[in-house]
Amino acid sequence: MSGLQENPPQSGFLLVIAGTVLFSSKAILIKFLYYYDISPLELQALRMLAVAPCYALILGWLIWQSGWPAISKRELLGCTLAGIACYHIASYLDFVGLVYISAGLERIILFCYPLIAILFGKWFLKESLPSNVWYALAASYAGIILFFYADSLFGGQQLLFGSLLVFAASVLTAWYMVANQQYSRRFGSQRFTCLAMLAACASLLCHAFVVESVTISQFTGEVYWGAAALALFCTLIPSFLVSAGVRRIGASRAGVVGTVGPLFTVVVSNIMLDEPVTGTHLAGLLLVLTGMWLLRQGRRD
């Protein structure tokens, strides 16, 4: 434990990697649950109903331990908007996009958020750019483009529409990462995560039950257990891991480390969902790995 405390950046990278792997399992689990004829909004509502009490209990425990954080109304509004943008709007767009595209392609497109997060960090937080980051991102994005091309050869109705939805989700995710960095350093990553997630839970459930009149009482036990797993292992736990990691290493670096997500999803989706992985796909993955290697070299400089 003392080693982690002596080297916060290294611990931050490990936290982001662990959280990213769990987050990356989300698309695969969602694809499985879609076999049970559940809509994206219904699945999101089940997910939020399962996860909201957990965040409320954690926030209550934090307040009991150290009191309500010294947070201004502007900061509270910033947390609220970031949570709604990422875990309601972006998540909903992502869920809908997964109806039309593969889990591997979804994760590849979401990889777009590191560059956006880096630009947001430079524009709004005045961050300096890490050494070699542009070379790393150039190699990684070349791999993503190649992978996208390979996947498009297999067709699919409304593939472009689904891809655009997921890309929009990546932009909102990048905004959340930068807000996370800014506010978690002000009053703690756990408090920020709880406030952001509770705001997203409230807005999403209003969307589902008030606006869309969603009914969630007609599903099988497998769907409810799957939604609970989605809430715990693909939402609750990784949200705290990534939030803590971002606080240590910053949104820009955390976004780039997220390249492990597409690699994990592509491999596992091929094994569990029988999604195609051709030589062109593997060439794209190799370019992404090259980008990660360049990033590591830049960190050593």
Protein backbone atom coordinates (compact mmCIF):
# COMPACT_ATOMS: atom_id res chain seq x y z
CA MET A 1 0.00 0.00 0.00
CA SER A 2 2.86 2.38 0.83
CA GLY A 3 4.24 1.88 -2.68
CA LEU A 4 0.98 3.15 -4.18
CA GLN A 5 1.05 6.18 -1.93
CA GLU A 6 4.63 6.97 -2.92
CA ASN A 7 3.76 6.82 -6.61
CA PRO A 8 0.29 8.32 -7.12
CA PRO A 9 0.57 8.55 -10.94
CA GLN A 10 1.22 4.81 -11.23
CA SER A 11 -1.68 3.99 -8.93
CA GLY A 12 -3.85 6.35 -10.98
CA PHE A 13 -3.07 4.49 -14.19
CA LEU A 14 -3.89 1.15 -12.54
CA LEU A 15 -7.20 2.49 -11.25
CA VAL A 16 -8.18 3.81 -14.68
CA ILE A 17 -7.23 0.54 -16.37
CA ALA A 18 -9.28 -1.54 -13.92
CA GLY A 19 -12.27 0.77 -14.25
CA THR A 20 -11.98 0.83 -18.03
CA VAL A 21 -12.01 -2.97 -18.27
CA LEU A 22 -15.18 -3.13 -16.18
CA PHE A 23 -16.79 -0.32 -18.15
CA SER A 24 -15.82 -2.11 -21.36
CA SER A 25 -17.72 -5.21 -20.26
CA LYS A 26 -20.91 -3.14 -20.40
CA ALA A 27 -21.45 -3.39 -24.17
CA ILE A 28 -21.11 -7.17 -24.12
CA LEU A 29 -23.59 -7.56 -21.26
CA ILE A 30 -26.03 -5.15 -22.92
CA LYS A 31 -25.88 -7.17 -26.14
CA PHE A 32 -26.78 -10.29 -24.18
CA LEU A 33 -29.69 -8.59 -22.44
CA TYR A 34 -31.10 -7.33 -25.75
CA TYR A 35 -31.83 -10.97 -26.60
CA TYR A 36 -34.59 -10.78 -23.96
CA ASP A 37 -36.50 -8.12 -25.92
CA ILE A 38 -35.83 -5.17 -23.64
CA SER A 39 -35.55 -1.63 -25.01
CA PRO A 40 -32.53 0.63 -24.33
CA LEU A 41 -34.54 2.97 -22.10
CA GLU A 42 -36.09 0.10 -20.13
CA LEU A 43 -32.66 -1.40 -19.54
CA GLN A 44 -31.26 1.96 -18.47
CA ALA A 45 -34.15 2.45 -16.04
CA LEU A 46 -33.51 -0.96 -14.45
CA ARG A 47 -29.82 -0.13 -14.23
CA MET A 48 -30.45 3.19 -12.50
CA LEU A 49 -33.02 1.74 -10.10
CA ALA A 50 -30.42 -0.82 -9.03
CA VAL A 51 -27.52 1.60 -8.69
CA ALA A 52 -29.17 4.74 -7.22
CA PRO A 53 -29.56 3.36 -3.65
CA CYS A 54 -25.87 2.39 -3.63
CA TYR A 55 -24.73 5.91 -4.47
CA ALA A 56 -27.18 7.41 -1.97
CA LEU A 57 -25.83 5.15 0.81
CA ILE A 58 -22.21 5.94 -0.10
CA LEU A 59 -22.89 9.68 -0.14
CA GLY A 60 -24.70 9.41 3.20
CA TRP A 61 -21.75 7.56 4.68
CA LEU A 62 -19.31 10.19 3.37
CA ILE A 63 -21.41 12.98 4.88
CA TRP A 64 -21.63 11.13 8.19
CA GLN A 65 -17.85 10.67 8.21
CA SER A 66 -16.76 14.20 7.31
CA GLY A 67 -19.84 16.37 6.90
CA TRP A 68 -21.29 18.01 3.82
CA PRO A 69 -18.49 19.18 1.50
CA ALA A 70 -17.79 22.89 1.10
CA ILE A 71 -19.36 23.15 -2.33
CA SER A 72 -20.82 26.22 -3.99
CA LYS A 73 -24.07 26.29 -5.94
CA ARG A 74 -22.08 26.71 -9.14
CA GLU A 75 -19.97 23.64 -8.37
CA LEU A 76 -23.07 21.64 -7.47
CA LEU A 77 -24.63 22.66 -10.78
CA GLY A 78 -21.44 21.63 -12.59
CA CYS A 79 -21.53 18.17 -10.95
CA THR A 80 -25.20 17.80 -11.81
CA LEU A 81 -24.77 18.75 -15.46
CA ALA A 82 -21.69 16.54 -15.87
CA GLY A 83 -23.53 13.55 -14.40
CA ILE A 84 -26.60 14.05 -16.57
CA ALA A 85 -24.47 14.59 -19.68
CA CYS A 86 -22.44 11.41 -19.18
CA TYR A 87 -24.58 8.88 -17.34
CA HIS A 88 -27.98 9.87 -18.69
CA ILE A 89 -27.66 11.43 -22.16
CA ALA A 90 -24.38 9.84 -23.28
CA SER A 91 -25.33 6.49 -21.78
CA TYR A 92 -28.72 6.55 -23.46
CA LEU A 93 -27.16 7.39 -26.84
CA ASP A 94 -24.69 4.58 -26.31
CA PHE A 95 -27.43 2.06 -25.41
CA VAL A 96 -29.41 3.01 -28.52
CA GLY A 97 -26.31 2.87 -30.70
CA LEU A 98 -25.66 -0.69 -29.54
CA VAL A 99 -28.95 -1.72 -31.13
CA TYR A 100 -27.39 -1.03 -34.55
CA ILE A 101 -23.66 -1.75 -34.17
CA SER A 102 -21.44 -4.42 -32.65
CA ALA A 103 -19.96 -4.26 -29.16
CA GLY A 104 -16.47 -4.07 -30.64
CA LEU A 105 -17.32 -1.18 -32.94
CA GLU A 106 -19.06 0.64 -30.10
CA ARG A 107 -15.96 0.48 -27.95
CA ILE A 108 -13.73 1.51 -30.86
CA ILE A 109 -15.82 4.62 -31.52
CA LEU A 110 -15.89 5.52 -27.84
CA PHE A 111 -12.12 5.61 -28.04
CA CYS A 112 -12.59 9.01 -29.68
CA TYR A 113 -13.04 10.62 -26.29
CA PRO A 114 -9.31 10.73 -25.31
CA LEU A 115 -8.43 13.29 -27.97
CA ILE A 116 -11.54 15.31 -27.10
CA ALA A 117 -10.65 15.11 -23.39
CA ILE A 118 -7.11 16.28 -24.15
CA LEU A 119 -8.42 19.27 -26.12
CA PHE A 120 -10.96 20.09 -23.39
CA GLY A 121 -8.21 19.86 -20.77
CA LYS A 122 -5.97 22.20 -22.74
CA TRP A 123 -8.74 24.71 -23.48
CA PHE A 124 -10.50 24.78 -20.11
CA LEU A 125 -7.90 23.60 -17.56
CA LYS A 126 -4.79 25.02 -19.26
CA GLU A 127 -3.08 21.62 -19.15
CA SER A 128 0.16 20.99 -20.98
CA LEU A 129 0.14 18.16 -23.48
CA PRO A 130 2.07 14.99 -22.51
CA SER A 131 5.18 14.17 -24.50
CA ASN A 132 4.52 11.97 -27.53
CA VAL A 133 0.76 12.22 -27.08
CA TRP A 134 0.10 13.30 -30.67
CA TYR A 135 2.16 10.44 -32.08
CA ALA A 136 0.40 8.01 -29.76
CA LEU A 137 -3.02 9.30 -30.71
CA ALA A 138 -2.17 9.34 -34.43
CA ALA A 139 -1.18 5.67 -34.33
CA SER A 140 -4.19 4.75 -32.21
CA TYR A 141 -6.67 6.61 -34.38
CA ALA A 142 -5.22 5.08 -37.52
CA GLY A 143 -5.91 1.72 -35.93
CA ILE A 144 -9.45 2.75 -35.04
CA ILE A 145 -10.15 3.90 -38.60
CA LEU A 146 -8.81 0.62 -39.98
CA PHE A 147 -10.92 -1.38 -37.53
CA PHE A 148 -14.00 0.68 -38.39
CA TYR A 149 -13.45 -0.03 -42.09
CA ALA A 150 -13.09 -3.76 -41.44
CA ASP A 151 -16.28 -3.86 -39.40
CA SER A 152 -18.22 -1.87 -42.01
CA LEU A 153 -17.56 -4.57 -44.60
CA PHE A 154 -19.96 -6.83 -42.69
CA GLY A 155 -22.81 -4.36 -43.30
CA GLY A 156 -25.72 -3.91 -40.93
CA GLN A 157 -28.74 -1.67 -41.14
CA GLN A 158 -28.28 1.90 -39.89
CA LEU A 159 -24.63 1.27 -39.07
CA LEU A 160 -23.75 4.91 -39.66
CA PHE A 161 -26.65 6.13 -37.51
CA GLY A 162 -25.61 3.93 -34.60
CA SER A 163 -22.00 5.00 -34.99
CA LEU A 164 -22.94 8.69 -34.88
CA LEU A 165 -24.94 8.14 -31.70
CA VAL A 166 -21.97 6.51 -30.01
CA PHE A 167 -19.64 9.26 -31.24
CA ALA A 168 -21.92 11.89 -29.65
CA ALA A 169 -21.74 9.85 -26.44
CA SER A 170 -17.94 10.00 -26.60
CA VAL A 171 -17.99 13.82 -26.72
CA LEU A 172 -20.17 13.99 -23.61
CA THR A 173 -17.97 11.41 -21.88
CA ALA A 174 -14.93 13.61 -22.52
CA TRP A 175 -16.72 16.55 -20.91
CA TYR A 176 -17.47 14.42 -17.85
CA MET A 177 -13.81 13.37 -17.57
CA VAL A 178 -12.65 16.98 -17.49
CA ALA A 179 -15.36 17.97 -14.98
CA ASN A 180 -14.34 15.00 -12.88
CA GLN A 181 -10.77 16.23 -12.76
CA GLN A 182 -11.79 19.78 -11.88
CA TYR A 183 -14.36 19.06 -9.17
CA SER A 184 -12.94 15.91 -7.59
CA ARG A 185 -9.78 17.81 -6.69
CA ARG A 186 -11.98 20.42 -5.05
CA PHE A 187 -14.07 18.16 -2.78
CA GLY A 188 -13.07 14.57 -3.49
CA SER A 189 -13.63 12.05 -6.27
CA GLN A 190 -16.13 9.97 -4.25
CA ARG A 191 -18.37 12.93 -3.48
CA PHE A 192 -18.22 14.12 -7.07
CA THR A 193 -19.09 10.67 -8.38
CA CYS A 194 -22.04 10.26 -6.00
CA LEU A 195 -23.47 13.70 -6.76
CA ALA A 196 -23.04 13.26 -10.52
CA MET A 197 -24.54 9.77 -10.57
CA LEU A 198 -27.52 10.66 -8.37
CA ALA A 199 -28.30 13.59 -10.66
CA ALA A 200 -28.12 11.26 -13.66
CA CYS A 201 -30.31 8.66 -11.93
CA ALA A 202 -32.99 11.26 -11.17
CA SER A 203 -33.03 12.70 -14.69
CA LEU A 204 -32.97 9.29 -16.39
CA LEU A 205 -35.81 7.91 -14.27
CA CYS A 206 -37.88 11.03 -15.01
CA HIS A 207 -37.15 10.46 -18.69
CA ALA A 208 -38.21 6.82 -18.47
CA PHE A 209 -41.29 6.96 -16.24
CA VAL A 210 -42.65 10.49 -16.72
CA VAL A 211 -41.81 11.30 -20.33
CA GLU A 212 -41.87 7.82 -21.92
CA SER A 213 -44.18 5.98 -19.46
CA VAL A 214 -41.82 2.99 -19.35
CA THR A 215 -43.03 -0.20 -17.64
CA ILE A 216 -40.38 -2.47 -16.11
CA SER A 217 -42.40 -5.18 -14.37
CA GLN A 218 -42.77 -7.70 -17.20
CA PHE A 219 -39.25 -9.12 -17.58
CA THR A 220 -37.72 -12.45 -16.63
CA GLY A 221 -35.39 -13.00 -13.70
CA GLU A 222 -32.40 -13.14 -16.06
CA VAL A 223 -33.06 -9.55 -17.13
CA TYR A 224 -33.26 -8.25 -13.56
CA TRP A 225 -30.09 -10.10 -12.54
CA GLY A 226 -28.35 -8.85 -15.67
CA ALA A 227 -29.40 -5.27 -14.96
CA ALA A 228 -28.12 -5.63 -11.39
CA ALA A 229 -24.77 -6.88 -12.69
CA LEU A 230 -24.72 -3.99 -15.16
CA ALA A 231 -25.33 -1.56 -12.31
CA LEU A 232 -22.76 -3.01 -9.92
CA PHE A 233 -19.87 -4.23 -12.05
CA CYS A 234 -20.22 -1.96 -15.10
CA THR A 235 -21.36 1.25 -13.37
CA LEU A 236 -20.86 1.53 -9.60
CA ILE A 237 -17.42 0.00 -9.09
CA PRO A 238 -15.73 1.31 -12.26
CA SER A 239 -17.15 4.82 -11.77
CA PHE A 240 -15.23 5.12 -8.49
CA LEU A 241 -12.10 3.50 -9.92
CA VAL A 242 -11.96 5.84 -12.92
CA SER A 243 -12.87 8.89 -10.86
CA ALA A 244 -10.07 8.21 -8.38
CA GLY A 245 -7.63 7.54 -11.21
CA VAL A 246 -8.52 10.78 -13.01
CA ARG A 247 -7.90 12.73 -9.81
CA ARG A 248 -4.36 11.32 -9.69
CA ILE A 249 -3.27 11.51 -13.34
CA GLY A 250 -5.66 13.98 -15.01
CA ALA A 251 -8.38 13.64 -17.62
CA SER A 252 -6.02 13.71 -20.61
CA ARG A 253 -3.84 10.80 -19.53
CA ALA A 254 -6.79 8.86 -18.18
CA GLY A 255 -8.52 9.21 -21.55
CA VAL A 256 -5.51 7.83 -23.40
CA VAL A 257 -5.14 4.90 -20.99
CA GLY A 258 -8.71 4.03 -21.98
CA THR A 259 -7.29 2.36 -25.10
CA VAL A 260 -7.29 -0.85 -23.08
CA GLY A 261 -11.08 -0.76 -23.29
CA PRO A 262 -11.42 -1.40 -27.04
CA LEU A 263 -8.83 -4.16 -26.92
CA PHE A 264 -10.67 -5.95 -24.14
CA THR A 265 -14.08 -5.57 -25.76
CA VAL A 266 -12.95 -6.73 -29.20
CA VAL A 267 -11.35 -9.90 -27.85
CA VAL A 268 -14.16 -10.82 -25.46
CA SER A 269 -16.96 -9.96 -27.91
CA ASN A 270 -15.33 -12.25 -30.47
CA ILE A 271 -15.28 -15.09 -27.95
CA MET A 272 -18.70 -14.56 -26.37
CA LEU A 273 -20.75 -12.88 -29.13
CA ASP A 274 -19.02 -14.36 -32.15
CA GLU A 275 -18.34 -10.90 -33.57
CA PRO A 276 -15.91 -10.98 -36.50
CA VAL A 277 -12.19 -10.39 -36.06
CA THR A 278 -10.35 -10.47 -39.39
CA GLY A 279 -6.77 -9.75 -40.31
CA THR A 280 -7.74 -6.12 -40.93
CA HIS A 281 -9.24 -5.92 -37.44
CA LEU A 282 -6.01 -7.30 -35.98
CA ALA A 283 -3.95 -4.78 -37.94
CA GLY A 284 -6.04 -2.01 -36.44
CA LEU A 285 -5.52 -3.43 -32.96
CA LEU A 286 -1.77 -3.56 -33.56
CA LEU A 287 -1.76 0.13 -34.42
CA VAL A 288 -3.64 0.89 -31.21
CA LEU A 289 -1.08 -1.10 -29.21
CA THR A 290 1.66 0.89 -30.96
CA GLY A 291 -0.04 4.08 -29.83
CA MET A 292 -0.03 2.84 -26.24
CA TRP A 293 3.65 2.00 -26.49
CA LEU A 294 4.40 5.51 -27.76
CA LEU A 295 2.45 6.95 -24.87
CA ARG A 296 4.50 4.96 -22.37
CA GLN A 297 7.68 6.20 -24.00
CA GLY A 298 6.43 9.77 -23.73
CA ARG A 299 5.74 9.36 -20.01
CA ARG A 300 9.32 8.26 -19.40
CA ASP A 301 10.79 11.39 -21.05
